[in-house]
Amino acid sequence: MFMSALWDTIFMLNDTYRDVSVFLIDNHIPALRFGDTGKPVVFAAGFGADEWQSSVMLLTFFEDLLRHAESGKTLSGIAVRKAFKKRSVIAVPCVCPPKMKYEGETLKPADLSAFAKYLSFHPAQMLVCVQDETGSVFSAKANEKLPTDSDTVAKILCACSKLDLLEQADSVGTRFCEWTSAHAALPSYVISPPAKDIAALPYTYKRLEETFTVSALL
């Protein structure tokens, strides 16, 4: 049911907005692209088999981005149409389809091999994962392969979202960010909204809209 609704939303965005392109990662993970450069900021959500709130939040942001670009209006004070002549964004709303189960086992690269392979072979600016519940920003540990401003970006995300920086965490999204930073030399972050209740989603999204917009332009 969730994947059917997700695909309906993706097709709607593709039919409604002329500047969006839809593609598949490894023939089964849906992704959307907007913007004009070769090194996009990649947003990803839906890392757990039962997690769908983050997918809804990410698609809401992506639709807002498209709508404001088409209308020529600003989003969080940023002129989206002008900004994305030199920027691009890829949104991956469901990295782990519901049929994939993760029951607390240690994440291995093979668990998300299709997405990991994509990130390893397609240059990107950074990876921003959206994950449910903890109310924090997680930044993968700096290493010699990462840009020197990775820590600064984490501080910017914390300042925009008003969420605390989480230095250690054990979730699928955070473990994947650690792996991606080490193997794909890609700065990686997790934005984890504090609310999981469906009734709180609109409020939570509005609170983080500026954070997502700023992330897309970093």
Protein backbone atom coordinates (compact mmCIF):
# COMPACT_ATOMS: atom_id res chain seq x y z
CA MET A 1 0.00 0.00 0.00
CA PHE A 2 2.76 2.46 0.94
CA MET A 3 4.79 1.80 -2.21
CA SER A 4 1.67 2.20 -4.35
CA ALA A 5 0.97 5.60 -2.81
CA LEU A 6 4.63 6.57 -3.17
CA TRP A 7 4.62 5.71 -6.86
CA ASP A 8 1.36 7.64 -7.35
CA THR A 9 3.05 10.72 -5.87
CA ILE A 10 6.15 10.27 -8.01
CA PHE A 11 4.08 9.96 -11.20
CA MET A 12 2.05 13.00 -10.19
CA LEU A 13 5.21 15.08 -9.75
CA ASN A 14 6.55 13.85 -13.09
CA ASP A 15 3.29 14.74 -14.86
CA THR A 16 2.84 18.11 -13.16
CA TYR A 17 6.32 19.66 -13.30
CA ARG A 18 8.35 19.81 -16.49
CA ASP A 19 11.75 20.20 -14.83
CA VAL A 20 11.77 16.95 -12.87
CA SER A 21 13.14 13.63 -14.11
CA VAL A 22 12.35 10.21 -12.63
CA PHE A 23 14.74 7.26 -12.75
CA LEU A 24 15.42 3.95 -11.03
CA ILE A 25 18.50 2.97 -9.05
CA ASP A 26 19.30 -0.69 -9.70
CA ASN A 27 15.91 -1.10 -11.42
CA HIS A 28 13.88 -0.92 -8.20
CA ILE A 29 14.70 2.14 -6.06
CA PRO A 30 12.75 5.21 -7.30
CA ALA A 31 14.57 8.54 -7.50
CA LEU A 32 13.78 12.05 -8.72
CA ARG A 33 16.13 14.74 -10.00
CA PHE A 34 15.82 18.51 -10.27
CA GLY A 35 18.45 21.06 -11.28
CA ASP A 36 21.24 21.62 -13.75
CA THR A 37 24.59 20.42 -12.40
CA GLY A 38 26.44 17.13 -12.34
CA LYS A 39 27.15 17.02 -8.59
CA PRO A 40 23.79 17.00 -6.81
CA VAL A 41 22.96 17.00 -3.15
CA VAL A 42 21.34 13.59 -2.60
CA PHE A 43 18.44 13.38 -0.14
CA ALA A 44 17.38 9.91 1.02
CA ALA A 45 14.62 8.61 3.27
CA GLY A 46 12.79 5.39 4.07
CA PHE A 47 15.74 3.43 5.51
CA GLY A 48 13.63 1.10 7.66
CA ALA A 49 11.09 -1.43 6.49
CA ASP A 50 8.37 0.17 8.63
CA GLU A 51 9.51 3.78 8.22
CA TRP A 52 7.36 5.97 5.99
CA GLN A 53 7.07 9.36 7.74
CA SER A 54 10.48 10.44 6.49
CA SER A 55 9.49 9.50 2.92
CA VAL A 56 6.39 11.68 3.15
CA MET A 57 8.45 14.57 4.51
CA LEU A 58 11.06 14.28 1.76
CA LEU A 59 8.47 14.15 -1.03
CA THR A 60 6.68 17.16 0.49
CA PHE A 61 9.92 19.13 0.36
CA PHE A 62 10.69 18.02 -3.19
CA GLU A 63 7.22 19.02 -4.38
CA ASP A 64 7.55 22.42 -2.69
CA LEU A 65 10.92 22.88 -4.38
CA LEU A 66 9.41 22.15 -7.80
CA ARG A 67 6.33 24.31 -7.22
CA HIS A 68 8.31 27.35 -6.08
CA ALA A 69 10.78 26.97 -8.94
CA GLU A 70 8.01 26.83 -11.52
CA SER A 71 6.13 29.79 -10.06
CA GLY A 72 9.28 31.86 -9.61
CA LYS A 73 8.60 32.30 -5.90
CA THR A 74 11.03 31.99 -3.02
CA LEU A 75 11.21 29.03 -0.65
CA SER A 76 12.51 29.89 2.81
CA GLY A 77 13.67 33.22 1.35
CA ILE A 78 15.66 31.59 -1.47
CA ALA A 79 14.90 32.19 -5.16
CA VAL A 80 14.66 28.53 -6.13
CA ARG A 81 14.50 28.89 -9.92
CA LYS A 82 17.64 31.05 -10.02
CA ALA A 83 19.52 28.96 -7.44
CA PHE A 84 18.97 25.68 -9.24
CA LYS A 85 20.44 26.86 -12.50
CA LYS A 86 23.74 26.07 -10.80
CA ARG A 87 22.58 23.37 -8.38
CA SER A 88 20.77 20.06 -8.50
CA VAL A 89 19.03 17.73 -6.09
CA ILE A 90 18.27 14.03 -6.18
CA ALA A 91 15.55 12.71 -3.89
CA VAL A 92 15.39 9.01 -3.05
CA PRO A 93 12.19 8.72 -0.99
CA CYS A 94 12.40 5.01 -0.16
CA VAL A 95 15.87 3.48 -0.03
CA CYS A 96 14.59 0.25 1.55
CA PRO A 97 11.30 -0.97 0.07
CA PRO A 98 9.00 -2.47 2.74
CA LYS A 99 9.79 -6.04 1.69
CA MET A 100 13.36 -5.54 2.93
CA LYS A 101 13.66 -6.32 6.65
CA TYR A 102 16.24 -5.00 9.08
CA GLU A 103 15.82 -6.46 12.54
CA GLY A 104 18.64 -4.79 14.41
CA GLU A 105 21.50 -6.56 12.66
CA THR A 106 24.72 -4.68 11.97
CA LEU A 107 24.54 -2.84 8.68
CA LYS A 108 26.80 -4.20 5.96
CA PRO A 109 27.55 -2.52 2.63
CA ALA A 110 25.71 -5.35 0.89
CA ASP A 111 22.50 -4.51 2.75
CA LEU A 112 22.13 -1.32 0.72
CA SER A 113 24.41 -2.34 -2.12
CA ALA A 114 22.38 -0.76 -4.93
CA PHE A 115 22.25 2.66 -3.32
CA ALA A 116 25.85 2.40 -2.09
CA LYS A 117 27.02 1.50 -5.59
CA TYR A 118 25.13 4.43 -7.05
CA LEU A 119 26.75 6.86 -4.60
CA SER A 120 30.19 5.36 -5.21
CA PHE A 121 30.04 5.80 -8.98
CA HIS A 122 27.99 8.99 -9.38
CA PRO A 123 29.70 12.15 -8.05
CA ALA A 124 27.59 14.05 -5.55
CA GLN A 125 28.00 17.12 -3.36
CA MET A 126 26.78 15.44 -0.18
CA LEU A 127 24.26 12.96 1.21
CA VAL A 128 21.45 14.07 3.51
CA CYS A 129 19.40 11.28 5.07
CA VAL A 130 16.04 11.96 6.69
CA GLN A 131 15.18 9.48 9.42
CA ASP A 132 12.47 9.27 12.05
CA GLU A 133 12.28 9.97 15.73
CA THR A 134 15.49 10.92 17.57
CA GLY A 135 15.33 14.71 17.14
CA SER A 136 18.95 15.33 16.18
CA VAL A 137 21.47 15.93 13.41
CA PHE A 138 24.11 13.25 12.89
CA SER A 139 27.36 13.96 11.07
CA ALA A 140 29.57 11.12 9.89
CA LYS A 141 33.04 11.28 11.41
CA ALA A 142 35.54 13.35 9.46
CA ASN A 143 38.23 11.46 7.60
CA GLU A 144 41.05 12.39 5.25
CA LYS A 145 38.87 11.79 2.18
CA LEU A 146 36.20 14.31 3.15
CA PRO A 147 36.23 18.06 2.44
CA THR A 148 37.59 20.15 5.29
CA ASP A 149 34.30 22.01 5.71
CA SER A 150 32.26 18.90 6.63
CA ASP A 151 32.11 19.88 10.30
CA THR A 152 31.02 23.40 9.37
CA VAL A 153 28.14 22.01 7.31
CA ALA A 154 27.01 19.96 10.31
CA LYS A 155 26.96 23.09 12.45
CA ILE A 156 24.93 24.93 9.81
CA LEU A 157 22.37 22.11 9.72
CA CYS A 158 22.12 22.18 13.51
CA ALA A 159 21.69 25.97 13.55
CA CYS A 160 18.95 25.89 10.88
CA SER A 161 17.03 22.97 12.38
CA LYS A 162 17.62 23.89 16.04
CA LEU A 163 18.44 20.23 16.61
CA ASP A 164 21.37 18.95 18.64
CA LEU A 165 24.41 17.36 17.02
CA LEU A 166 24.54 13.63 17.70
CA GLU A 167 28.10 12.31 17.74
CA GLN A 168 27.26 8.63 18.07
CA ALA A 169 24.19 6.72 16.92
CA ASP A 170 23.20 3.22 15.90
CA SER A 171 20.55 3.23 13.20
CA VAL A 172 20.44 2.07 9.60
CA GLY A 173 20.72 5.63 8.31
CA THR A 174 23.63 6.64 10.52
CA ARG A 175 25.59 3.44 9.85
CA PHE A 176 25.04 3.93 6.14
CA CYS A 177 26.29 7.52 6.40
CA GLU A 178 29.44 6.30 8.11
CA TRP A 179 30.01 3.75 5.38
CA THR A 180 29.32 6.27 2.60
CA SER A 181 31.69 8.84 4.05
CA ALA A 182 34.48 6.29 4.28
CA HIS A 183 33.98 4.51 0.95
CA ALA A 184 32.47 7.12 -1.37
CA ALA A 185 34.32 10.12 0.13
CA LEU A 186 30.95 11.85 0.45
CA PRO A 187 30.02 14.15 3.35
CA SER A 188 26.97 12.50 4.91
CA TYR A 189 24.42 13.68 7.46
CA VAL A 190 21.21 12.48 9.07
CA ILE A 191 18.44 14.94 9.90
CA SER A 192 16.14 13.21 12.37
CA PRO A 193 12.93 15.11 13.22
CA PRO A 194 11.68 14.76 16.80
CA ALA A 195 8.06 13.85 15.97
CA LYS A 196 6.88 10.51 14.66
CA ASP A 197 3.14 11.05 15.16
CA ILE A 198 1.33 11.50 11.82
CA ALA A 199 -0.61 14.44 13.27
CA ALA A 200 2.65 16.29 13.90
CA LEU A 201 4.10 15.80 10.41
CA PRO A 202 2.92 19.13 8.87
CA TYR A 203 4.33 21.09 11.81
CA THR A 204 7.57 19.10 11.79
CA TYR A 205 7.97 19.61 8.05
CA LYS A 206 7.45 23.39 8.25
CA ARG A 207 9.98 23.55 11.05
CA LEU A 208 12.58 21.78 8.87
CA GLU A 209 11.71 23.26 5.46
CA GLU A 210 14.43 25.92 5.69
CA THR A 211 16.94 23.26 6.80
CA PHE A 212 16.18 21.14 3.75
CA THR A 213 16.36 24.15 1.43
CA VAL A 214 19.70 25.29 2.84
CA SER A 215 21.00 21.69 2.64
CA ALA A 216 20.14 21.57 -1.05
CA LEU A 217 22.30 24.62 -1.71
CA LEU A 218 25.38 23.78 0.40
